[in-house]
């Protein structure tokens, strides 16, 4: 009888593979950011930081993009605000709504994170070949979108 641990060592399922990739990318990203002066960030903050725009984003949009609940996004925004990475500002298109906007420190972190992610992606593209890497990303994006759509439709039942 093959144990789950043995099976996942030799033929990991989609959840195990995607988790390994996420943890490895986050590990490199946040370790490099810490070396560059952003050591107060935690991996969980990526659910907000990955989707920030310089002009700001509504929390509801951060929730939709990240797949996290509005409550979780609110907690993460509170933490990032306390750390000095974001601030809440009135949305000029709708004064009732707030935009989550990066501060100067937040913008610096965004530039640093973009550079780290570019380096990671280039390394993998060199290893696989650009065409194979582009196809890998296209297929991974398709699987991710399909899975998220399945989750949404299952929630409607």
Protein backbone atom coordinates (compact mmCIF):
# COMPACT_ATOMS: atom_id res chain seq x y z
CA UNK A 1 0.00 0.00 0.00
CA UNK A 2 1.38 3.41 -0.99
CA UNK A 3 1.07 6.11 1.65
CA UNK A 4 -0.07 9.63 0.83
CA UNK A 5 3.41 10.90 1.66
CA UNK A 6 4.97 8.40 -0.77
CA UNK A 7 2.41 9.22 -3.47
CA UNK A 8 3.00 12.96 -3.06
CA UNK A 9 6.75 12.40 -3.21
CA UNK A 10 6.52 10.58 -6.55
CA UNK A 11 3.26 11.76 -8.14
CA UNK A 12 2.05 14.89 -6.33
CA UNK A 13 -1.49 16.07 -6.99
CA UNK A 14 -2.38 19.56 -8.19
CA UNK A 15 -2.87 20.90 -4.66
CA UNK A 16 0.52 19.66 -3.50
CA UNK A 17 2.29 20.95 -6.62
CA UNK A 18 0.66 24.37 -6.50
CA UNK A 19 1.37 24.64 -2.78
CA UNK A 20 5.01 23.74 -3.28
CA UNK A 21 5.33 26.33 -6.03
CA UNK A 22 3.57 29.01 -3.96
CA UNK A 23 5.69 28.37 -0.88
CA UNK A 24 8.93 28.28 -2.86
CA UNK A 25 8.16 31.52 -4.73
CA UNK A 26 6.96 33.25 -1.56
CA UNK A 27 10.02 32.03 0.32
CA UNK A 28 12.41 33.51 -2.23
CA UNK A 29 10.38 36.69 -2.66
CA UNK A 30 10.02 37.50 1.03
CA UNK A 31 13.59 36.48 1.91
CA UNK A 32 14.90 38.80 -0.80
CA UNK A 33 12.56 41.59 0.28
CA UNK A 34 13.78 41.17 3.87
CA UNK A 35 17.38 41.57 2.66
CA UNK A 36 16.28 44.82 0.99
CA UNK A 37 14.75 46.28 4.16
CA UNK A 38 11.21 44.90 4.07
CA UNK A 39 11.62 42.25 6.74
CA UNK A 40 8.46 43.26 8.56
CA UNK A 41 6.27 41.74 5.83
CA UNK A 42 4.71 38.30 6.20
CA UNK A 43 3.74 35.90 3.42
CA UNK A 44 0.04 36.52 4.14
CA UNK A 45 0.49 40.18 3.13
CA UNK A 46 1.05 39.01 -0.44
CA UNK A 47 -2.74 38.63 -0.84
CA UNK A 48 -2.93 42.45 -0.80
CA UNK A 49 0.52 43.52 -1.99
CA UNK A 50 0.35 41.48 -5.20
CA UNK A 51 -2.71 43.44 -6.37
CA UNK A 52 -1.89 46.99 -5.26
CA UNK A 53 -1.72 49.69 -7.90
CA UNK A 54 0.03 53.04 -7.40
CA UNK A 55 -3.30 54.87 -7.79
CA UNK A 56 -5.03 52.58 -5.30
CA UNK A 57 -7.50 49.70 -5.32
CA UNK A 58 -10.77 49.17 -3.47
CA UNK A 59 -10.75 46.48 -0.81
CA UNK A 60 -13.61 44.68 -2.56
CA UNK A 61 -11.46 44.44 -5.69
CA UNK A 62 -8.49 43.16 -3.64
CA UNK A 63 -10.81 40.50 -2.25
CA UNK A 64 -12.01 39.47 -5.70
CA UNK A 65 -8.53 39.38 -7.24
CA UNK A 66 -6.87 37.52 -4.39
CA UNK A 67 -9.73 35.12 -3.70
CA UNK A 68 -9.64 36.10 -0.03
CA UNK A 69 -12.72 37.14 1.95
CA UNK A 70 -13.40 40.83 2.53
CA UNK A 71 -12.78 40.28 6.24
CA UNK A 72 -9.33 38.77 5.64
CA UNK A 73 -8.43 41.57 3.24
CA UNK A 74 -9.56 44.11 5.83
CA UNK A 75 -7.30 42.54 8.47
CA UNK A 76 -4.34 42.48 6.06
CA UNK A 77 -4.92 46.11 5.06
CA UNK A 78 -5.04 47.07 8.75
CA UNK A 79 -1.70 45.29 9.30
CA UNK A 80 -0.09 46.87 6.24
CA UNK A 81 -1.38 50.29 7.25
CA UNK A 82 0.14 49.88 10.73
CA UNK A 83 3.45 48.89 9.08
CA UNK A 84 3.38 51.98 6.85
CA UNK A 85 2.88 50.28 3.45
CA UNK A 86 -0.65 51.46 2.63
CA UNK A 87 -3.16 54.09 3.55
CA UNK A 88 -6.89 54.42 3.01
CA UNK A 89 -8.03 57.37 0.91
CA UNK A 90 -11.46 58.45 -0.31
CA UNK A 91 -12.17 57.21 -3.84
CA UNK A 92 -12.52 60.36 -6.01
CA UNK A 93 -15.14 58.54 -8.14
CA UNK A 94 -17.26 57.64 -5.09
CA UNK A 95 -16.61 59.47 -1.83
CA UNK A 96 -18.38 56.71 0.13
CA UNK A 97 -15.74 54.19 -0.97
CA UNK A 98 -12.11 53.98 0.10
CA UNK A 99 -9.06 53.20 -1.97
CA UNK A 100 -6.17 51.23 -0.54
CA UNK A 101 -3.14 53.21 -1.74
CA UNK A 102 0.54 52.43 -1.33
CA UNK A 103 2.62 54.89 0.66
CA UNK A 104 6.15 55.79 -0.39
CA UNK A 105 7.36 52.69 1.47
CA UNK A 106 4.66 50.66 -0.24
CA UNK A 107 5.73 51.92 -3.67
CA UNK A 108 9.36 51.03 -2.89
CA UNK A 109 8.27 47.54 -1.84
CA UNK A 110 6.22 47.16 -5.04
CA UNK A 111 9.25 48.05 -7.19
CA UNK A 112 11.45 45.64 -5.25
CA UNK A 113 8.89 42.81 -5.44
CA UNK A 114 8.39 43.36 -9.18
CA UNK A 115 12.15 43.09 -9.72
CA UNK A 116 12.35 39.86 -7.68
CA UNK A 117 9.41 38.31 -9.53
CA UNK A 118 10.87 39.32 -12.90
CA UNK A 119 14.15 37.63 -11.97
CA UNK A 120 12.36 34.46 -10.85
CA UNK A 121 10.33 34.30 -14.05
CA UNK A 122 13.36 34.94 -16.27
CA UNK A 123 15.27 32.18 -14.51
CA UNK A 124 12.48 29.69 -15.19
CA UNK A 125 12.06 30.89 -18.78
CA UNK A 126 15.79 30.35 -19.39
CA UNK A 127 15.59 26.88 -17.87
CA UNK A 128 12.52 25.75 -19.84
CA UNK A 129 12.91 27.92 -22.90
CA UNK A 130 10.73 31.01 -23.37
CA UNK A 131 8.14 29.25 -25.52
CA UNK A 132 7.70 26.38 -23.05
CA UNK A 133 7.55 28.79 -20.12
CA UNK A 134 4.91 30.91 -21.87
CA UNK A 135 2.85 27.77 -22.55
CA UNK A 136 3.26 26.63 -18.93
CA UNK A 137 1.98 29.98 -17.67
CA UNK A 138 -0.91 29.95 -20.14
CA UNK A 139 -1.98 26.47 -19.02
CA UNK A 140 -1.50 27.23 -15.32
CA UNK A 141 -3.59 30.38 -15.73
CA UNK A 142 -6.30 28.38 -17.51
CA UNK A 143 -6.39 25.71 -14.78
CA UNK A 144 -6.45 28.39 -12.08
CA UNK A 145 -9.32 30.29 -13.74
CA UNK A 146 -11.25 27.06 -14.29
CA UNK A 147 -10.78 25.98 -10.67
CA UNK A 148 -11.82 29.38 -9.33
CA UNK A 149 -14.88 29.33 -11.59
CA UNK A 150 -15.76 25.84 -10.37
CA UNK A 151 -15.49 27.03 -6.79
CA UNK A 152 -17.78 29.99 -7.48
CA UNK A 153 -20.39 27.87 -9.29
CA UNK A 154 -20.28 25.21 -6.56
CA UNK A 155 -21.02 27.94 -4.02
CA UNK A 156 -24.15 28.89 -5.94
CA UNK A 157 -25.67 25.40 -5.55
